Protein backbone atom coordinates (compact mmCIF):
# COMPACT_ATOMS: atom_id res chain seq x y z
CA MET A 1 -25.11 79.95 61.95
CA SER A 2 -25.08 76.93 64.29
CA THR A 3 -27.79 74.32 64.50
CA SER A 4 -29.33 73.89 67.97
CA VAL A 5 -29.74 70.30 69.09
CA LEU A 6 -31.43 68.76 72.20
CA VAL A 7 -29.79 65.34 72.97
CA VAL A 8 -32.26 63.19 75.06
CA ASP A 9 -31.05 60.06 76.63
CA ASP A 10 -31.28 58.47 80.16
CA SER A 11 -27.65 57.44 80.09
CA ALA A 12 -25.05 60.12 81.05
CA LEU A 13 -22.37 58.19 79.22
CA MET A 14 -24.58 58.33 75.99
CA ARG A 15 -25.44 61.95 76.41
CA ARG A 16 -21.84 62.93 76.80
CA ALA A 17 -20.91 60.77 73.72
CA LEU A 18 -23.65 62.31 71.58
CA LYS A 19 -22.95 65.72 72.61
CA GLY A 20 -19.25 65.28 71.92
CA MET A 21 -19.78 63.88 68.44
CA LEU A 22 -22.03 66.82 67.52
CA ALA A 23 -19.68 69.45 69.23
CA ASP A 24 -16.72 68.08 67.35
CA ALA A 25 -18.66 68.75 63.95
CA GLY A 26 -18.29 72.44 64.77
CA ASP A 27 -21.70 73.67 63.71
CA PHE A 28 -23.87 72.55 66.53
CA GLU A 29 -25.07 74.13 69.80
CA VAL A 30 -25.88 71.02 71.90
CA HIS A 31 -27.99 70.71 74.91
CA THR A 32 -29.05 67.66 76.82
CA ALA A 33 -31.93 66.18 78.62
CA ARG A 34 -32.01 63.02 80.68
CA ASN A 35 -35.48 61.72 79.76
CA GLY A 36 -38.82 62.72 78.20
CA VAL A 37 -40.03 64.79 80.95
CA ASP A 38 -36.84 66.67 81.05
CA ALA A 39 -36.84 67.27 77.27
CA LEU A 40 -40.28 68.69 77.33
CA GLU A 41 -39.46 71.09 80.12
CA GLN A 42 -36.49 72.29 78.13
CA LEU A 43 -38.32 72.61 74.83
CA ASP A 44 -39.71 76.11 75.44
CA ARG A 45 -36.39 77.34 76.84
CA VAL A 46 -33.98 75.94 74.34
CA HIS A 47 -36.24 75.99 71.08
CA PRO A 48 -33.99 73.33 69.48
CA ASP A 49 -33.67 73.02 65.71
CA VAL A 50 -33.41 69.23 66.07
CA VAL A 51 -34.13 66.69 68.93
CA THR A 52 -32.21 63.35 69.15
CA LEU A 53 -34.46 61.01 71.18
CA ASP A 54 -33.75 57.65 72.80
CA VAL A 55 -36.39 55.05 72.77
CA ASN A 56 -36.14 53.30 76.19
CA MET A 57 -36.14 55.87 79.10
CA PRO A 58 -37.66 56.02 82.60
CA GLU A 59 -40.49 58.44 83.48
CA MET A 60 -41.35 58.98 79.88
CA ASP A 61 -40.36 56.86 76.90
CA GLY A 62 -39.24 58.09 73.61
CA LEU A 63 -42.52 57.42 71.74
CA THR A 64 -44.60 59.28 74.19
CA CYS A 65 -42.08 62.17 74.38
CA LEU A 66 -42.17 62.34 70.42
CA ALA A 67 -46.00 62.43 70.44
CA LYS A 68 -45.95 65.37 72.92
CA ILE A 69 -43.17 67.10 71.00
CA MET A 70 -45.24 67.07 67.75
CA GLU A 71 -48.28 68.38 69.75
CA LYS A 72 -46.52 71.03 71.80
CA GLN A 73 -43.70 72.30 69.40
CA PRO A 74 -43.38 70.41 66.32
CA THR A 75 -39.56 69.86 65.90
CA PRO A 76 -37.54 67.51 63.44
CA VAL A 77 -36.62 64.46 65.59
CA VAL A 78 -34.02 61.77 64.90
CA MET A 79 -34.64 58.67 67.00
CA VAL A 80 -31.40 57.09 68.46
CA SER A 81 -32.09 53.44 69.43
CA SER A 82 -30.55 50.07 69.88
CA LEU A 83 -31.98 47.80 67.27
CA THR A 84 -33.71 45.09 69.28
CA GLU A 85 -36.80 43.54 67.68
CA HIS A 86 -38.96 45.71 70.06
CA ASN A 87 -36.95 48.89 69.38
CA ALA A 88 -37.25 48.31 65.63
CA LEU A 89 -41.09 48.14 66.05
CA VAL A 90 -41.12 51.31 68.28
CA THR A 91 -38.82 53.09 65.97
CA LEU A 92 -41.08 52.38 62.91
CA GLU A 93 -43.98 53.66 64.83
CA ALA A 94 -41.86 56.73 65.76
CA LEU A 95 -41.22 57.37 62.06
CA GLN A 96 -44.92 57.03 61.26
CA LEU A 97 -45.67 59.56 64.01
CA GLY A 98 -43.37 62.19 62.57
CA ALA A 99 -39.68 61.38 63.30
CA VAL A 100 -37.56 62.33 60.39
CA ASP A 101 -34.90 59.62 60.83
CA TYR A 102 -33.19 57.32 63.15
CA VAL A 103 -29.56 56.22 64.13
CA ALA A 104 -28.82 52.73 65.41
CA LYS A 105 -26.72 52.33 68.51
CA PRO A 106 -24.20 49.72 67.30
CA GLY A 107 -23.65 48.05 70.72
CA GLY A 108 -26.92 48.15 72.46
CA THR A 109 -28.71 50.51 74.77
CA VAL A 110 -25.56 51.83 76.44
CA SER A 111 -23.23 51.65 73.39
CA LEU A 112 -19.47 51.75 74.19
CA ASN A 113 -18.72 51.95 70.56
CA ILE A 114 -21.32 54.72 69.55
CA ASP A 115 -18.43 56.59 67.98
CA GLU A 116 -18.78 54.21 64.98
CA VAL A 117 -21.88 56.07 63.93
CA ALA A 118 -20.60 59.65 64.51
CA LYS A 119 -20.66 60.67 60.81
CA GLU A 120 -24.13 59.11 60.32
CA LEU A 121 -25.42 61.01 63.24
CA VAL A 122 -24.01 64.22 62.19
CA ASP A 123 -25.16 63.74 58.67
CA LYS A 124 -28.78 62.87 59.73
CA VAL A 125 -28.94 65.75 62.32
CA ARG A 126 -27.93 68.24 59.52
CA ASP A 127 -30.52 66.66 57.05
CA ALA A 128 -33.18 66.85 59.81
CA ALA A 129 -32.46 70.48 60.28
CA ARG A 130 -33.53 70.97 56.63
CA ALA A 131 -36.43 68.51 56.45
CA LYS A 132 -40.05 69.39 56.12
CA LEU A 133 -42.25 68.04 59.03
CA LYS A 134 -45.10 65.87 58.11
CA ARG A 135 -48.10 65.17 60.65
CA ALA A 136 -48.86 61.58 61.13
CA GLY A 137 -51.76 60.55 58.86
CA GLY A 138 -51.59 63.93 57.09
CA LEU A 139 -51.44 62.46 53.53
CA THR A 140 -54.00 59.70 54.10
CA ALA A 141 -57.10 62.01 53.60
CA ARG A 142 -55.57 63.77 50.73
CA ILE A 143 -54.71 60.46 49.01
CA ARG A 144 -58.28 59.27 49.50
CA ALA A 145 -59.70 62.65 48.23
CA ALA A 146 -57.32 63.17 45.37
CA PRO A 147 -59.21 62.77 42.06
CA ARG A 148 -57.46 60.35 39.82
CA PRO A 149 -55.35 62.56 37.47
CA PRO A 150 -55.62 62.08 33.80
CA ALA A 151 -53.10 59.74 32.49
CA GLU A 152 -50.63 60.82 29.76
CA ARG A 153 -50.75 57.31 28.33
CA LYS A 154 -53.29 54.65 29.22
CA SER A 155 -51.89 51.23 29.98
CA ALA A 156 -53.46 48.09 28.55
CA VAL A 157 -53.64 45.01 30.75
CA GLY A 158 -50.39 43.30 30.77
CA ALA A 159 -48.51 46.33 29.36
CA VAL A 160 -46.43 46.68 32.52
CA ASP A 161 -44.48 43.94 33.88
CA LEU A 162 -42.99 45.62 37.07
CA VAL A 163 -43.35 48.52 39.25
CA LEU A 164 -40.14 49.62 41.05
CA ILE A 165 -40.13 52.09 44.14
CA GLY A 166 -37.24 53.79 45.87
CA SER A 167 -37.28 55.68 49.09
CA SER A 168 -35.19 56.78 52.03
CA THR A 169 -35.44 59.58 54.70
CA GLY A 170 -39.07 60.00 55.56
CA GLY A 171 -39.98 56.91 53.41
CA PRO A 172 -41.54 54.59 56.16
CA ALA A 173 -44.09 57.17 57.07
CA LEU A 174 -44.99 58.07 53.43
CA LEU A 175 -45.12 54.33 52.49
CA SER A 176 -47.56 53.57 55.29
CA GLU A 177 -49.98 56.16 53.71
CA LEU A 178 -49.21 55.74 49.79
CA LEU A 179 -49.04 51.94 49.50
CA PRO A 180 -52.49 51.45 50.92
CA GLY A 181 -53.73 53.51 47.97
CA LEU A 182 -52.86 50.86 45.59
CA PRO A 183 -55.78 48.48 44.55
CA ALA A 184 -55.68 44.67 45.00
CA THR A 185 -56.07 44.50 41.23
CA LEU A 186 -52.96 46.28 40.41
CA GLY A 187 -51.72 44.92 37.06
CA ALA A 188 -48.02 44.15 38.02
CA PRO A 189 -45.80 43.14 41.09
CA VAL A 190 -44.19 45.91 43.15
CA VAL A 191 -40.56 45.80 44.30
CA LEU A 192 -39.42 48.39 47.01
CA ALA A 193 -36.00 49.37 48.01
CA GLN A 194 -36.36 51.43 51.20
CA HIS A 195 -33.00 52.41 52.90
CA ILE A 196 -33.31 50.64 56.19
CA PRO A 197 -31.50 48.39 58.75
CA ALA A 198 -32.07 44.76 58.26
CA SER A 199 -33.88 44.36 61.71
CA PHE A 200 -36.51 46.82 60.49
CA THR A 201 -37.47 45.15 57.25
CA ALA A 202 -39.66 42.41 58.55
CA ALA A 203 -41.56 44.71 61.04
CA LEU A 204 -42.08 47.19 58.21
CA ALA A 205 -43.37 44.52 55.91
CA ARG A 206 -45.81 43.26 58.58
CA ARG A 207 -47.13 46.70 59.33
CA LEU A 208 -47.68 47.48 55.63
CA ASP A 209 -49.02 44.22 55.05
CA ASP A 210 -51.92 44.83 57.68
CA ALA A 211 -52.76 48.15 56.03
CA CYS A 212 -52.57 47.33 52.26
CA ALA A 213 -54.89 45.59 49.80
CA LEU A 214 -51.91 44.09 48.18
CA ARG A 215 -49.79 41.44 49.91
CA VAL A 216 -46.58 42.79 51.40
CA VAL A 217 -43.54 40.54 52.08
CA GLU A 218 -39.90 40.90 52.96
CA VAL A 219 -37.37 39.47 50.42
CA ASP A 220 -35.79 37.00 52.64
CA ARG A 221 -35.22 34.18 49.99
CA ILE A 222 -35.51 33.90 46.33
CA MET A 223 -39.13 34.60 45.32
CA THR A 224 -41.14 34.37 42.16
CA LEU A 225 -42.73 37.77 41.27
CA GLN A 226 -46.33 37.79 41.25
CA ARG A 227 -49.07 40.15 40.84
CA GLY A 228 -50.86 41.21 43.90
CA CYS A 229 -47.72 41.52 45.90
CA ILE A 230 -45.31 44.17 47.09
CA TYR A 231 -41.78 42.86 47.74
CA ILE A 232 -39.57 44.79 50.22
CA GLY A 233 -35.79 44.49 50.01
CA ARG A 234 -34.13 43.37 53.13
CA GLY A 235 -32.06 46.06 54.94
CA ASN A 236 -28.29 46.15 55.00
CA ALA A 237 -28.45 44.10 51.65
CA ASP A 238 -29.40 44.93 48.15
CA VAL A 239 -32.52 43.61 46.26
CA VAL A 240 -32.25 42.48 42.56
CA VAL A 241 -34.49 41.16 40.02
CA ALA A 242 -33.57 38.23 37.67
CA ARG A 243 -35.05 35.72 35.28
CA ARG A 244 -35.63 32.03 36.12
CA GLY A 245 -37.03 29.95 33.18
CA ASP A 246 -40.13 31.80 31.89
CA GLY A 247 -40.60 33.91 35.12
CA LEU A 248 -39.16 36.77 36.95
CA ILE A 249 -37.75 36.38 40.45
CA VAL A 250 -36.54 38.66 43.12
CA LYS A 251 -33.77 37.99 45.71
CA SER A 252 -31.80 39.53 48.33
CA VAL A 253 -28.01 39.80 47.75
CA PRO A 254 -25.06 41.16 49.78
CA ALA A 255 -24.72 44.97 49.56
CA ALA A 256 -22.35 46.00 46.86
CA ALA A 257 -19.65 48.40 48.07
CA GLU A 258 -19.93 50.55 44.80
CA TYR A 259 -23.40 51.61 46.08
CA ARG A 260 -23.56 54.14 48.90
CA TRP A 261 -27.11 53.27 50.26
CA HIS A 262 -28.75 49.96 50.86
CA PRO A 263 -30.95 48.45 49.54
CA SER A 264 -29.70 50.19 46.55
CA VAL A 265 -32.34 51.69 44.21
CA ASP A 266 -30.07 52.12 41.41
CA ARG A 267 -28.97 48.45 41.69
CA LEU A 268 -32.53 47.33 41.85
CA VAL A 269 -33.68 49.33 38.87
CA GLY A 270 -30.39 48.38 36.98
CA SER A 271 -31.12 44.65 37.50
CA ALA A 272 -34.61 44.94 36.23
CA ARG A 273 -33.53 46.77 33.09
CA ARG A 274 -31.39 43.82 32.27
CA TYR A 275 -34.38 41.53 32.08
CA ILE A 276 -37.21 43.73 31.19
CA ASP A 277 -37.84 46.21 28.29
CA PRO A 278 -37.92 49.52 29.98
CA GLN A 279 -41.14 50.40 28.31
CA ARG A 280 -42.61 47.72 30.44
CA LEU A 281 -41.37 49.22 33.62
CA VAL A 282 -42.94 51.80 35.84
CA CYS A 283 -40.73 53.56 38.47
CA ALA A 284 -41.26 56.03 41.38
CA LEU A 285 -38.66 57.77 43.43
CA LEU A 286 -39.76 59.19 46.75
CA THR A 287 -38.31 61.25 49.62
CA GLY A 288 -34.80 60.71 50.51
CA MET A 289 -31.37 62.35 50.73
CA GLY A 290 -28.74 61.84 48.17
CA ASP A 291 -29.21 60.64 44.64
CA ASP A 292 -29.77 56.93 44.67
CA GLY A 293 -32.07 55.81 42.08
CA ALA A 294 -31.80 58.93 39.85
CA THR A 295 -29.40 57.34 37.33
CA GLU A 296 -31.15 54.19 36.65
CA MET A 297 -34.61 55.65 36.60
CA ALA A 298 -33.49 58.29 34.25
CA ALA A 299 -32.22 55.44 32.02
CA VAL A 300 -35.80 53.72 32.24
CA LYS A 301 -37.39 56.98 31.01
CA ASP A 302 -34.84 57.32 28.19
CA GLY A 303 -35.67 53.82 27.14
CA GLY A 304 -39.39 54.60 26.88
CA GLY A 305 -40.44 53.64 30.49
CA ARG A 306 -42.39 55.84 32.85
CA THR A 307 -41.11 57.39 36.08
CA ILE A 308 -42.54 59.48 38.92
CA ALA A 309 -40.52 61.80 41.03
CA GLU A 310 -42.20 62.84 44.45
CA SER A 311 -42.46 66.72 44.35
CA GLU A 312 -40.65 69.03 46.55
CA GLU A 313 -44.12 69.95 47.94
CA THR A 314 -44.52 66.84 50.01
CA ALA A 315 -41.00 65.21 50.15
CA VAL A 316 -39.44 65.25 53.54
CA VAL A 317 -36.13 65.54 51.88
CA TRP A 318 -36.15 66.48 48.25
CA GLY A 319 -32.81 64.78 47.41
CA MET A 320 -33.31 61.59 45.33
CA PRO A 321 -36.62 62.52 43.67
CA GLY A 322 -35.20 66.16 43.19
CA GLU A 323 -32.16 64.72 41.49
CA LEU A 324 -34.32 62.55 39.21
CA ALA A 325 -36.36 65.65 38.09
CA ARG A 326 -33.21 67.86 37.57
CA ARG A 327 -31.86 65.23 35.16
CA GLY A 328 -35.18 65.18 33.22
CA GLY A 329 -35.53 61.74 34.17
CA ALA A 330 -39.15 62.02 35.54
CA THR A 331 -42.03 61.53 33.19
CA GLU A 332 -44.19 63.24 35.89
CA VAL A 333 -43.30 65.15 39.22
CA LEU A 334 -46.24 64.59 41.52
CA PRO A 335 -47.13 65.28 45.17
CA ALA A 336 -47.28 62.15 47.20
CA TYR A 337 -51.08 62.25 47.49
CA GLU A 338 -51.33 61.82 43.79
CA ILE A 339 -48.75 59.01 43.33
CA ALA A 340 -50.83 55.98 44.16
CA ALA A 341 -53.51 57.09 41.79
CA ARG A 342 -51.16 57.58 39.02
CA LEU A 343 -49.47 54.28 39.56
CA ALA A 344 -52.96 52.51 39.52
CA ASP A 345 -53.69 54.32 36.36
CA TRP A 346 -50.54 53.31 34.54
CA VAL A 347 -50.55 49.64 35.82
CA ARG A 348 -53.86 48.40 35.00
C-alpha cells in the first residue's frame, strides 16, 4: 500500500525535484502544493499520510501552515528547509510545534543539488508515516504532575559522575519539555548527543538554556565538565568525554565514519566508559530511529550502571530506546513524563 505525501514548496523546481525523488522510491503517491494556503485547501481532499513543508513561502509561511495543519487535521510533517541561521531557529520551533523531522536543502532555498538528500528524504518520510504525533506542550503538564516514582536504588551524593542522554527523531520537542524538569541541584553534569545539523546546535542550546534550571551550552571547544550544566554535542560532529588531570572534559571531534548518526550516542557513551566506572554513570536513550546508543548503554548496564529507555507509549519513533529495551540493556523503561523525576532521584 502506497504512502500519500503532500509536497509543499513555493518553487516549482523544488516541487518537481521532491516529487520525483519520492516517486522514484516506488511506494509513494505524491501530491504538490505551491504554498501554505494551497496546502490547507488540499488537506481535506488529499488526506495525506505525510506532509513535506518548506519554511519560507509567500502568502503563508511553513510555521503558520504547520500550526494550522496540527489544528485542522494533525498529520506527520517533515520540514524541508535551507539551513540559514534564521531557518534553523524556525525549524527548531517547527519541531517543538509538532513536526516529526526535517531535511536540509544542501544548496539554499532553491537547491540545484537537492538530489544529494534523496535517500534522507525518502527515509524520513517513511519514518514519519509510522511516527506518533505529539501535541506541542503535551508532556509538560504530565511531567509536572507525575509523582516521583520510587527509585530502585537510592543514590548518595557524589555517587554519579555523569549523566549521558541520546536522542534523534522527535528529540528537540521532547528535550524542550523533559530537560526543564531537571533541578538546578542535579548532582552530576549532563552530556547530550542529539542527531542534528551543526547549524541547529547553538540555537537549540540557547532555547533550552532559557527554559532550564540548569545551564545549557553547546560543546564548541574543550570544556571542563561541571555540575549544574548540560552540554550539547555540536551537530555533524561527535562529542566525547576525556580526562585532563584530575577532572573530566568534554569536546567536539570530527564525525567518525564507522558511526552512522552524528553526534554519535554510542561514541559518546563509549568514551565515557573509558574514563568512568560504569557504576558511576546514568544514561537515558530517548526517541529516535535506528539503534544508536543501544550497544554502549547496554554495556553500561552490564557494568553495573543504570539506564533508562523511553517507552513506546511516548516515543515518536521507538527505534533507539526500543532496541535498548530489546537487548535487556534498560534498567527501566519509562514514559517521557517520568524520566526527569527518575534522573533527579538517581543523580542526587
